[in-house]
Amino acid sequence: MEIDAIRSDIDKINDEILDALIKRLELSKEVAEYKIKQNIPVYSKEREEEILRRIGNKAGVKAEYIIPVFEAILDTSKKLQEDIITGKEGK
C-alpha cells in the first residue's frame, strides 16, 4: 500500500474518532446535568478505574498505547463536567 493511501485511511479514521469524541462529550454534558441534580461529585475513582480496566483488557497487548489516550479523554470529560457545574462552559 502506498503512503498516500495509508494516510487517506488514517484521515478517515481520524474523522470517525472525532465524531465519536464529539458524541462522547455530549454524553458527558448529560452526565454533568445528572450530577448537578443528584449532587454527585464529578470525579469517581471507581468509575475511572473500571473504564480503564475494561479498555486495557479490550486493547490487549496495545494497552500501553491506548490507556494514555483514554486517560486524556477522561480528563477532558471531567474538565467539561466541572466547567458545566461551575458555569464556565464555553467561556
N, C-alpha and C. Protein backbone atom coordinates (compact mmCIF):
# COMPACT_ATOMS: atom_id res chain seq x y z
N MET A 1 0.85 -1.18 0.00
CA MET A 1 0.00 0.00 0.00
C MET A 1 0.89 1.25 0.00
N GLU A 2 0.56 2.19 -0.82
CA GLU A 2 1.32 3.44 -0.91
C GLU A 2 1.01 4.35 0.27
N ILE A 3 1.95 5.23 0.59
CA ILE A 3 1.80 6.11 1.75
C ILE A 3 0.56 6.99 1.64
N ASP A 4 0.23 7.48 0.45
CA ASP A 4 -0.95 8.34 0.30
C ASP A 4 -2.24 7.57 0.63
N ALA A 5 -2.31 6.32 0.25
CA ALA A 5 -3.48 5.50 0.55
C ALA A 5 -3.57 5.24 2.06
N ILE A 6 -2.44 4.98 2.67
CA ILE A 6 -2.41 4.75 4.11
C ILE A 6 -2.86 6.02 4.84
N ARG A 7 -2.34 7.16 4.41
CA ARG A 7 -2.71 8.43 5.04
C ARG A 7 -4.19 8.74 4.82
N SER A 8 -4.71 8.39 3.68
CA SER A 8 -6.14 8.58 3.42
C SER A 8 -6.97 7.75 4.40
N ASP A 9 -6.55 6.52 4.62
CA ASP A 9 -7.24 5.66 5.59
C ASP A 9 -7.15 6.25 7.00
N ILE A 10 -5.98 6.77 7.35
CA ILE A 10 -5.80 7.40 8.66
C ILE A 10 -6.72 8.61 8.80
N ASP A 11 -6.81 9.42 7.74
CA ASP A 11 -7.70 10.60 7.77
C ASP A 11 -9.15 10.19 8.01
N LYS A 12 -9.59 9.11 7.37
CA LYS A 12 -10.95 8.62 7.56
C LYS A 12 -11.17 8.17 9.00
N ILE A 13 -10.21 7.47 9.55
CA ILE A 13 -10.31 7.02 10.94
C ILE A 13 -10.29 8.22 11.88
N ASN A 14 -9.44 9.21 11.59
CA ASN A 14 -9.42 10.42 12.42
C ASN A 14 -10.79 11.10 12.44
N ASP A 15 -11.45 11.14 11.30
CA ASP A 15 -12.79 11.72 11.23
C ASP A 15 -13.78 10.91 12.08
N GLU A 16 -13.67 9.59 12.04
CA GLU A 16 -14.54 8.74 12.84
C GLU A 16 -14.28 8.95 14.34
N ILE A 17 -13.01 9.05 14.70
CA ILE A 17 -12.64 9.29 16.10
C ILE A 17 -13.20 10.64 16.54
N LEU A 18 -13.05 11.67 15.72
CA LEU A 18 -13.56 12.99 16.05
C LEU A 18 -15.07 12.94 16.28
N ASP A 19 -15.79 12.31 15.37
CA ASP A 19 -17.24 12.19 15.53
C ASP A 19 -17.60 11.47 16.83
N ALA A 20 -16.88 10.41 17.15
CA ALA A 20 -17.14 9.65 18.38
C ALA A 20 -16.82 10.50 19.61
N LEU A 21 -15.75 11.28 19.56
CA LEU A 21 -15.39 12.14 20.70
C LEU A 21 -16.42 13.24 20.92
N ILE A 22 -16.94 13.80 19.84
CA ILE A 22 -17.98 14.82 19.97
C ILE A 22 -19.22 14.21 20.61
N LYS A 23 -19.61 13.02 20.18
CA LYS A 23 -20.75 12.33 20.78
C LYS A 23 -20.49 12.04 22.25
N ARG A 24 -19.26 11.64 22.56
CA ARG A 24 -18.92 11.33 23.94
C ARG A 24 -19.01 12.57 24.82
N LEU A 25 -18.55 13.71 24.31
CA LEU A 25 -18.64 14.94 25.08
C LEU A 25 -20.10 15.35 25.31
N GLU A 26 -20.94 15.12 24.33
CA GLU A 26 -22.37 15.41 24.52
C GLU A 26 -22.95 14.54 25.63
N LEU A 27 -22.55 13.28 25.69
CA LEU A 27 -23.00 12.41 26.77
C LEU A 27 -22.42 12.85 28.11
N SER A 28 -21.20 13.35 28.10
CA SER A 28 -20.59 13.87 29.33
C SER A 28 -21.38 15.07 29.86
N LYS A 29 -21.91 15.88 28.94
CA LYS A 29 -22.75 17.00 29.35
C LYS A 29 -24.00 16.48 30.06
N GLU A 30 -24.58 15.43 29.51
CA GLU A 30 -25.76 14.84 30.15
C GLU A 30 -25.42 14.29 31.54
N VAL A 31 -24.25 13.69 31.64
CA VAL A 31 -23.81 13.17 32.94
C VAL A 31 -23.65 14.33 33.92
N ALA A 32 -23.08 15.44 33.47
CA ALA A 32 -22.90 16.61 34.34
C ALA A 32 -24.25 17.13 34.84
N GLU A 33 -25.21 17.20 33.94
CA GLU A 33 -26.54 17.66 34.33
C GLU A 33 -27.16 16.72 35.37
N TYR A 34 -26.97 15.43 35.19
CA TYR A 34 -27.47 14.46 36.17
C TYR A 34 -26.77 14.66 37.51
N LYS A 35 -25.45 14.83 37.46
CA LYS A 35 -24.68 15.01 38.70
C LYS A 35 -25.10 16.27 39.44
N ILE A 36 -25.44 17.32 38.70
CA ILE A 36 -25.91 18.55 39.34
C ILE A 36 -27.21 18.26 40.09
N LYS A 37 -28.14 17.61 39.42
CA LYS A 37 -29.45 17.31 40.03
C LYS A 37 -29.32 16.40 41.24
N GLN A 38 -28.38 15.46 41.18
CA GLN A 38 -28.22 14.47 42.25
C GLN A 38 -27.15 14.86 43.26
N ASN A 39 -26.51 16.01 43.03
CA ASN A 39 -25.43 16.48 43.92
C ASN A 39 -24.32 15.43 44.06
N ILE A 40 -23.87 14.93 42.90
CA ILE A 40 -22.82 13.91 42.84
C ILE A 40 -21.53 14.59 42.37
N PRO A 41 -20.39 14.26 42.99
CA PRO A 41 -19.13 14.87 42.54
C PRO A 41 -18.76 14.43 41.13
N VAL A 42 -17.98 15.26 40.46
CA VAL A 42 -17.55 14.97 39.08
C VAL A 42 -16.70 13.72 39.04
N TYR A 43 -15.70 13.64 39.92
CA TYR A 43 -14.72 12.56 39.85
C TYR A 43 -15.19 11.33 40.63
N SER A 44 -15.12 10.19 39.97
CA SER A 44 -15.38 8.91 40.61
C SER A 44 -14.20 7.99 40.29
N LYS A 45 -13.35 7.82 41.28
CA LYS A 45 -12.17 6.97 41.10
C LYS A 45 -12.55 5.57 40.65
N GLU A 46 -13.60 5.03 41.25
CA GLU A 46 -14.03 3.67 40.92
C GLU A 46 -14.46 3.57 39.46
N ARG A 47 -15.25 4.54 39.01
CA ARG A 47 -15.73 4.53 37.62
C ARG A 47 -14.57 4.67 36.65
N GLU A 48 -13.64 5.57 36.95
CA GLU A 48 -12.49 5.76 36.07
C GLU A 48 -11.64 4.49 36.00
N GLU A 49 -11.40 3.87 37.13
CA GLU A 49 -10.63 2.63 37.15
C GLU A 49 -11.34 1.53 36.36
N GLU A 50 -12.66 1.47 36.51
CA GLU A 50 -13.46 0.48 35.78
C GLU A 50 -13.32 0.68 34.26
N ILE A 51 -13.42 1.93 33.82
CA ILE A 51 -13.30 2.23 32.39
C ILE A 51 -11.92 1.84 31.88
N LEU A 52 -10.88 2.26 32.59
CA LEU A 52 -9.51 1.99 32.14
C LEU A 52 -9.20 0.49 32.16
N ARG A 53 -9.72 -0.22 33.13
CA ARG A 53 -9.51 -1.67 33.21
C ARG A 53 -10.18 -2.35 32.00
N ARG A 54 -11.42 -1.94 31.71
CA ARG A 54 -12.14 -2.53 30.58
C ARG A 54 -11.44 -2.23 29.26
N ILE A 55 -11.02 -0.99 29.08
CA ILE A 55 -10.31 -0.60 27.86
C ILE A 55 -8.99 -1.35 27.76
N GLY A 56 -8.27 -1.44 28.86
CA GLY A 56 -7.00 -2.15 28.86
C GLY A 56 -7.15 -3.61 28.49
N ASN A 57 -8.17 -4.24 29.05
CA ASN A 57 -8.43 -5.64 28.72
C ASN A 57 -8.78 -5.81 27.25
N LYS A 58 -9.60 -4.91 26.75
CA LYS A 58 -10.02 -4.99 25.35
C LYS A 58 -8.85 -4.71 24.41
N ALA A 59 -7.97 -3.79 24.80
CA ALA A 59 -6.84 -3.40 23.95
C ALA A 59 -5.74 -4.46 23.92
N GLY A 60 -5.71 -5.30 24.94
CA GLY A 60 -4.70 -6.38 24.98
C GLY A 60 -3.28 -5.85 24.97
N VAL A 61 -2.48 -6.36 24.04
CA VAL A 61 -1.06 -6.01 24.00
C VAL A 61 -0.82 -4.54 23.64
N LYS A 62 -1.82 -3.89 23.07
CA LYS A 62 -1.68 -2.47 22.72
C LYS A 62 -2.12 -1.55 23.85
N ALA A 63 -2.46 -2.11 25.01
CA ALA A 63 -2.98 -1.32 26.13
C ALA A 63 -2.04 -0.19 26.54
N GLU A 64 -0.74 -0.44 26.52
CA GLU A 64 0.19 0.60 26.95
C GLU A 64 0.13 1.84 26.06
N TYR A 65 -0.36 1.69 24.84
CA TYR A 65 -0.51 2.83 23.92
C TYR A 65 -1.91 3.42 23.97
N ILE A 66 -2.88 2.60 24.29
CA ILE A 66 -4.28 3.01 24.28
C ILE A 66 -4.69 3.66 25.60
N ILE A 67 -4.23 3.12 26.71
CA ILE A 67 -4.62 3.65 28.03
C ILE A 67 -4.34 5.15 28.16
N PRO A 68 -3.16 5.65 27.78
CA PRO A 68 -2.94 7.10 27.90
C PRO A 68 -3.92 7.95 27.09
N VAL A 69 -4.35 7.44 25.96
CA VAL A 69 -5.33 8.15 25.14
C VAL A 69 -6.64 8.26 25.92
N PHE A 70 -7.07 7.17 26.52
CA PHE A 70 -8.32 7.19 27.29
C PHE A 70 -8.18 7.99 28.57
N GLU A 71 -7.01 8.02 29.16
CA GLU A 71 -6.82 8.88 30.33
C GLU A 71 -7.03 10.35 29.94
N ALA A 72 -6.52 10.73 28.76
CA ALA A 72 -6.72 12.10 28.28
C ALA A 72 -8.20 12.37 27.99
N ILE A 73 -8.89 11.39 27.43
CA ILE A 73 -10.33 11.54 27.16
C ILE A 73 -11.08 11.71 28.48
N LEU A 74 -10.76 10.91 29.46
CA LEU A 74 -11.42 11.02 30.77
C LEU A 74 -11.13 12.37 31.41
N ASP A 75 -9.89 12.83 31.33
CA ASP A 75 -9.54 14.14 31.88
C ASP A 75 -10.34 15.25 31.20
N THR A 76 -10.49 15.14 29.89
CA THR A 76 -11.26 16.13 29.14
C THR A 76 -12.73 16.11 29.54
N SER A 77 -13.27 14.92 29.73
CA SER A 77 -14.67 14.80 30.15
C SER A 77 -14.87 15.39 31.55
N LYS A 78 -13.93 15.13 32.44
CA LYS A 78 -14.02 15.70 33.80
C LYS A 78 -13.96 17.23 33.74
N LYS A 79 -13.07 17.76 32.90
CA LYS A 79 -12.95 19.21 32.75
C LYS A 79 -14.25 19.80 32.23
N LEU A 80 -14.84 19.18 31.23
CA LEU A 80 -16.11 19.65 30.69
C LEU A 80 -17.19 19.63 31.78
N GLN A 81 -17.28 18.53 32.51
CA GLN A 81 -18.28 18.44 33.57
C GLN A 81 -18.07 19.50 34.64
N GLU A 82 -16.81 19.71 35.03
CA GLU A 82 -16.52 20.75 36.03
C GLU A 82 -16.91 22.13 35.50
N ASP A 83 -16.62 22.39 34.22
CA ASP A 83 -16.98 23.67 33.63
C ASP A 83 -18.49 23.87 33.58
N ILE A 84 -19.22 22.81 33.30
CA ILE A 84 -20.70 22.90 33.28
C ILE A 84 -21.21 23.16 34.69
N ILE A 85 -20.70 22.41 35.63
CA ILE A 85 -21.18 22.53 37.03
C ILE A 85 -20.86 23.91 37.60
N THR A 86 -19.71 24.47 37.25
CA THR A 86 -19.32 25.78 37.78
C THR A 86 -19.76 26.93 36.89
N GLY A 87 -20.43 26.61 35.78
CA GLY A 87 -20.91 27.66 34.89
C GLY A 87 -19.87 28.26 33.96
N LYS A 88 -18.75 27.59 33.80
CA LYS A 88 -17.64 28.12 32.98
C LYS A 88 -17.66 27.59 31.55
N GLU A 89 -18.55 26.65 31.24
CA GLU A 89 -18.55 26.05 29.90
C GLU A 89 -18.74 27.12 28.83
N GLY A 90 -17.88 27.07 27.82
CA GLY A 90 -18.00 27.98 26.69
C GLY A 90 -17.47 29.38 26.94
N LYS A 91 -16.85 29.61 28.08
CA LYS A 91 -16.33 30.96 28.38
C LYS A 91 -14.85 31.02 28.20
